[in-house]
Structure formats: structure tokens, C-alpha cells
Amino acid sequence: MVEAAVSFSIMGITFIGLFSGLAWGFTMVQWTREDSRATQVMLDKMEQFRLFNWDQIVTNSLPATFNVPYYEVAGTTESSFSYTGAISVEAAPINAAYADNLRTIRVQVGWTSGGLSHSREIQTLVGKNGLQKYLF
């Protein structure tokens, strides 16, 4: 009887560990998917600046804030949650003669999932004349 009780408790602990590990694995996969989607959203907004000329960059032709769904359901914007973001174009944080020809573009994204708040940010410098004059 004692051997059976010990073996059942060992099996119980093993199953609890197994299912806890599976639950944690699925949670990590979900977090990774959300983080990857946030990266896609930030890169999409950042890539739009590649199509702009200098005047459009300086005046920030994109809306300062945006909302993007995690995924779209059947062509609607219905989703489990959405990413909220902000875009800012600022003077470059340097002290040089060419500082007026540089801008810092910052894209921030935040979302709440599973009761936790997450945020990501990406930034880059953009030059008025680009790199073409320096490379060719």
C-alpha cells in the first residue's frame, strides 16, 4: 500500500511538471509571436520613411499615433488585442556642423496581453542627402 502511494505521488509530480512545462512552452511561443508582430509593425512604419523626401520627413507626414490589430479576422479589424504606437521625428542628438541635416526617427509600440504590458522601440538616423554622395 505504501509503495502504491509513493508511486502515485511520483507520477503526480511528474505529470504536474510535464503539464507545467507544456503550458510554459505555449506561453513562450505566444509571447514570441506577439513580439515578432510588434517588430513587423515597427519596421512597416519605419520603412514608410524610406519613400519620403526630406521635407516629408521633417514634417513627419505619418500620423503621430497609430493602432494596428494583432491579426485581422476575415477582413475586419476584429482581433484579440491591438498594438498602439507613436512615431516621432526629432533633431539628431549630435553637436556637429551637419546636425541640421540629420533627424532621429523613433517608432514605439505597446500592447497588453495576458494582463502584462509590453513595449518595444526602434530608432534610426536619417540624413538629408542620404548615403549616395558618400558611397558613389
C-alpha atoms as a PDB file:
ATOM      1  CA  MET A   1       0.000   0.000   0.000  1.00  0.00           C
ATOM      2  CA  VAL A   2       2.827   2.399   0.869  1.00  0.00           C
ATOM      3  CA  GLU A   3       4.619   1.565  -2.374  1.00  0.00           C
ATOM      4  CA  ALA A   4       1.488   2.340  -4.377  1.00  0.00           C
ATOM      5  CA  ALA A   5       1.030   5.696  -2.598  1.00  0.00           C
ATOM      6  CA  VAL A   6       4.644   6.646  -3.237  1.00  0.00           C
ATOM      7  CA  SER A   7       4.446   5.626  -6.895  1.00  0.00           C
ATOM      8  CA  PHE A   8       1.197   7.617  -7.392  1.00  0.00           C
ATOM      9  CA  SER A   9       2.724  10.691  -5.778  1.00  0.00           C
ATOM     10  CA  ILE A  10       5.797  10.390  -8.020  1.00  0.00           C
ATOM     11  CA  MET A  11       3.545  10.036 -11.088  1.00  0.00           C
ATOM     12  CA  GLY A  12       1.504  13.032  -9.922  1.00  0.00           C
ATOM     13  CA  ILE A  13       4.591  15.195  -9.526  1.00  0.00           C
ATOM     14  CA  THR A  14       5.846  14.036 -12.923  1.00  0.00           C
ATOM     15  CA  PHE A  15       2.553  14.888 -14.647  1.00  0.00           C
ATOM     16  CA  ILE A  16       2.340  18.259 -12.922  1.00  0.00           C
ATOM     17  CA  GLY A  17       5.884  19.037 -14.093  1.00  0.00           C
ATOM     18  CA  LEU A  18       5.121  17.841 -17.608  1.00  0.00           C
ATOM     19  CA  PHE A  19       1.952  19.887 -17.986  1.00  0.00           C
ATOM     20  CA  SER A  20       3.534  22.954 -16.366  1.00  0.00           C
ATOM     21  CA  GLY A  21       6.381  22.702 -18.863  1.00  0.00           C
ATOM     22  CA  LEU A  22       3.940  22.409 -21.767  1.00  0.00           C
ATOM     23  CA  ALA A  23       1.907  25.392 -20.536  1.00  0.00           C
ATOM     24  CA  TRP A  24       5.076  27.480 -20.156  1.00  0.00           C
ATOM     25  CA  GLY A  25       6.211  26.454 -23.644  1.00  0.00           C
ATOM     26  CA  PHE A  26       2.911  27.557 -25.210  1.00  0.00           C
ATOM     27  CA  THR A  27       3.099  30.836 -23.293  1.00  0.00           C
ATOM     28  CA  MET A  28       6.611  31.469 -24.593  1.00  0.00           C
ATOM     29  CA  VAL A  29       5.506  30.740 -28.162  1.00  0.00           C
ATOM     30  CA  GLN A  30       2.639  33.242 -27.789  1.00  0.00           C
ATOM     31  CA  TRP A  31       4.969  35.924 -26.396  1.00  0.00           C
ATOM     32  CA  THR A  32       7.379  35.322 -29.244  1.00  0.00           C
ATOM     33  CA  ARG A  33       4.576  35.686 -31.795  1.00  0.00           C
ATOM     34  CA  GLU A  34       3.428  38.937 -30.217  1.00  0.00           C
ATOM     35  CA  ASP A  35       6.975  40.277 -30.133  1.00  0.00           C
ATOM     36  CA  SER A  36       7.552  39.302 -33.773  1.00  0.00           C
ATOM     37  CA  ARG A  37       4.329  41.044 -34.801  1.00  0.00           C
ATOM     38  CA  ALA A  38       5.393  44.154 -32.867  1.00  0.00           C
ATOM     39  CA  THR A  39       8.683  44.115 -34.763  1.00  0.00           C
ATOM     40  CA  GLN A  40       6.786  43.815 -38.063  1.00  0.00           C
ATOM     41  CA  VAL A  41       4.604  46.797 -37.141  1.00  0.00           C
ATOM     42  CA  MET A  42       7.629  48.930 -36.205  1.00  0.00           C
ATOM     43  CA  LEU A  43       9.537  48.008 -39.356  1.00  0.00           C
ATOM     44  CA  ASP A  44       6.475  48.720 -41.507  1.00  0.00           C
ATOM     45  CA  LYS A  45       6.218  52.223 -40.078  1.00  0.00           C
ATOM     46  CA  MET A  46       9.976  52.759 -40.340  1.00  0.00           C
ATOM     47  CA  GLU A  47      10.088  51.579 -43.967  1.00  0.00           C
ATOM     48  CA  GLN A  48       7.468  54.149 -44.939  1.00  0.00           C
ATOM     49  CA  PHE A  49      10.032  56.858 -44.247  1.00  0.00           C
ATOM     50  CA  ARG A  50      12.257  55.409 -46.982  1.00  0.00           C
ATOM     51  CA  LEU A  51       9.686  56.605 -49.523  1.00  0.00           C
ATOM     52  CA  PHE A  52       9.616  60.170 -48.202  1.00  0.00           C
ATOM     53  CA  ASN A  53      11.649  63.120 -49.363  1.00  0.00           C
ATOM     54  CA  TRP A  54      13.412  65.329 -46.820  1.00  0.00           C
ATOM     55  CA  ASP A  55      10.520  67.797 -46.414  1.00  0.00           C
ATOM     56  CA  GLN A  56       8.088  64.965 -45.682  1.00  0.00           C
ATOM     57  CA  ILE A  57      10.474  63.515 -43.104  1.00  0.00           C
ATOM     58  CA  VAL A  58      10.995  66.846 -41.339  1.00  0.00           C
ATOM     59  CA  THR A  59       7.250  67.480 -41.122  1.00  0.00           C
ATOM     60  CA  ASN A  60       6.527  63.804 -40.259  1.00  0.00           C
ATOM     61  CA  SER A  61       3.906  63.042 -42.891  1.00  0.00           C
ATOM     62  CA  LEU A  62       2.707  59.975 -40.948  1.00  0.00           C
ATOM     63  CA  PRO A  63       0.199  60.264 -38.084  1.00  0.00           C
ATOM     64  CA  ALA A  64       1.914  60.668 -34.702  1.00  0.00           C
ATOM     65  CA  THR A  65      -0.054  57.767 -33.197  1.00  0.00           C
ATOM     66  CA  PHE A  66      -1.489  54.588 -34.661  1.00  0.00           C
ATOM     67  CA  ASN A  67      -3.407  51.405 -33.817  1.00  0.00           C
ATOM     68  CA  VAL A  68      -2.679  48.097 -35.554  1.00  0.00           C
ATOM     69  CA  PRO A  69      -4.522  44.831 -34.779  1.00  0.00           C
ATOM     70  CA  TYR A  70      -2.574  41.732 -33.767  1.00  0.00           C
ATOM     71  CA  TYR A  71      -4.289  39.947 -36.630  1.00  0.00           C
ATOM     72  CA  GLU A  72      -7.338  40.574 -38.773  1.00  0.00           C
ATOM     73  CA  VAL A  73     -10.299  38.227 -38.731  1.00  0.00           C
ATOM     74  CA  ALA A  74     -11.969  37.745 -42.130  1.00  0.00           C
ATOM     75  CA  GLY A  75     -11.019  41.182 -43.450  1.00  0.00           C
ATOM     76  CA  THR A  76     -12.220  43.067 -40.365  1.00  0.00           C
ATOM     77  CA  THR A  77     -10.104  44.732 -37.714  1.00  0.00           C
ATOM     78  CA  GLU A  78     -11.501  42.407 -35.053  1.00  0.00           C
ATOM     79  CA  SER A  79      -8.627  40.999 -33.016  1.00  0.00           C
ATOM     80  CA  SER A  80      -7.738  39.766 -29.557  1.00  0.00           C
ATOM     81  CA  PHE A  81      -5.788  42.981 -28.938  1.00  0.00           C
ATOM     82  CA  SER A  82      -4.115  45.741 -30.890  1.00  0.00           C
ATOM     83  CA  TYR A  83      -0.778  47.463 -30.861  1.00  0.00           C
ATOM     84  CA  THR A  84      -0.751  51.156 -30.058  1.00  0.00           C
ATOM     85  CA  GLY A  85       2.188  53.146 -31.245  1.00  0.00           C
ATOM     86  CA  ALA A  86       3.776  56.525 -31.614  1.00  0.00           C
ATOM     87  CA  ILE A  87       6.091  57.981 -34.230  1.00  0.00           C
ATOM     88  CA  SER A  88       8.369  60.908 -33.539  1.00  0.00           C
ATOM     89  CA  VAL A  89      10.850  62.775 -35.697  1.00  0.00           C
ATOM     90  CA  GLU A  90      13.361  64.771 -33.697  1.00  0.00           C
ATOM     91  CA  ALA A  91      16.613  66.622 -34.222  1.00  0.00           C
ATOM     92  CA  ALA A  92      19.626  64.339 -34.116  1.00  0.00           C
ATOM     93  CA  PRO A  93      21.352  64.231 -30.715  1.00  0.00           C
ATOM     94  CA  ILE A  94      24.749  65.357 -32.010  1.00  0.00           C
ATOM     95  CA  ASN A  95      26.789  68.547 -31.938  1.00  0.00           C
ATOM     96  CA  ALA A  96      28.229  68.860 -35.420  1.00  0.00           C
ATOM     97  CA  ALA A  97      28.052  71.249 -38.339  1.00  0.00           C
ATOM     98  CA  TYR A  98      25.775  68.879 -40.243  1.00  0.00           C
ATOM     99  CA  ALA A  99      23.342  68.309 -37.344  1.00  0.00           C
ATOM    100  CA  ASP A 100      20.580  70.216 -39.186  1.00  0.00           C
ATOM    101  CA  ASN A 101      20.776  67.623 -41.974  1.00  0.00           C
ATOM    102  CA  LEU A 102      20.035  64.688 -39.646  1.00  0.00           C
ATOM    103  CA  ARG A 103      16.854  63.560 -37.936  1.00  0.00           C
ATOM    104  CA  THR A 104      16.171  60.798 -35.440  1.00  0.00           C
ATOM    105  CA  ILE A 105      13.093  58.750 -36.239  1.00  0.00           C
ATOM    106  CA  ARG A 106      11.661  56.793 -33.307  1.00  0.00           C
ATOM    107  CA  VAL A 107       8.815  54.264 -33.500  1.00  0.00           C
ATOM    108  CA  GLN A 108       7.377  52.964 -30.238  1.00  0.00           C
ATOM    109  CA  VAL A 109       4.841  50.143 -29.918  1.00  0.00           C
ATOM    110  CA  GLY A 110       2.990  48.947 -26.839  1.00  0.00           C
ATOM    111  CA  TRP A 111       0.391  46.276 -26.145  1.00  0.00           C
ATOM    112  CA  THR A 112      -1.272  44.457 -23.268  1.00  0.00           C
ATOM    113  CA  SER A 113      -1.627  40.700 -23.372  1.00  0.00           C
ATOM    114  CA  GLY A 114      -2.419  38.293 -20.598  1.00  0.00           C
ATOM    115  CA  GLY A 115      -2.586  41.140 -18.087  1.00  0.00           C
ATOM    116  CA  LEU A 116       1.004  42.192 -18.844  1.00  0.00           C
ATOM    117  CA  SER A 117       2.089  45.378 -20.587  1.00  0.00           C
ATOM    118  CA  HIS A 118       4.769  45.071 -23.240  1.00  0.00           C
ATOM    119  CA  SER A 119       6.605  47.718 -25.232  1.00  0.00           C
ATOM    120  CA  ARG A 120       9.239  47.885 -27.932  1.00  0.00           C
ATOM    121  CA  GLU A 121      11.076  50.758 -29.603  1.00  0.00           C
ATOM    122  CA  ILE A 122      13.193  51.195 -32.692  1.00  0.00           C
ATOM    123  CA  GLN A 123      15.057  54.292 -33.831  1.00  0.00           C
ATOM    124  CA  THR A 124      17.319  55.357 -36.653  1.00  0.00           C
ATOM    125  CA  LEU A 125      19.067  58.394 -38.047  1.00  0.00           C
ATOM    126  CA  VAL A 126      18.105  59.784 -41.447  1.00  0.00           C
ATOM    127  CA  GLY A 127      20.336  62.098 -43.455  1.00  0.00           C
ATOM    128  CA  LYS A 128      19.096  64.831 -45.764  1.00  0.00           C
ATOM    129  CA  ASN A 129      21.320  63.729 -48.633  1.00  0.00           C
ATOM    130  CA  GLY A 130      21.323  60.029 -47.797  1.00  0.00           C
ATOM    131  CA  LEU A 131      24.440  57.919 -48.265  1.00  0.00           C
ATOM    132  CA  GLN A 132      24.609  58.129 -52.055  1.00  0.00           C
ATOM    133  CA  LYS A 133      27.068  61.027 -52.128  1.00  0.00           C
ATOM    134  CA  TYR A 134      29.384  59.208 -49.759  1.00  0.00           C
ATOM    135  CA  LEU A 135      29.256  55.767 -51.362  1.00  0.00           C
ATOM    136  CA  PHE A 136      29.473  56.547 -55.069  1.00  0.00           C
END
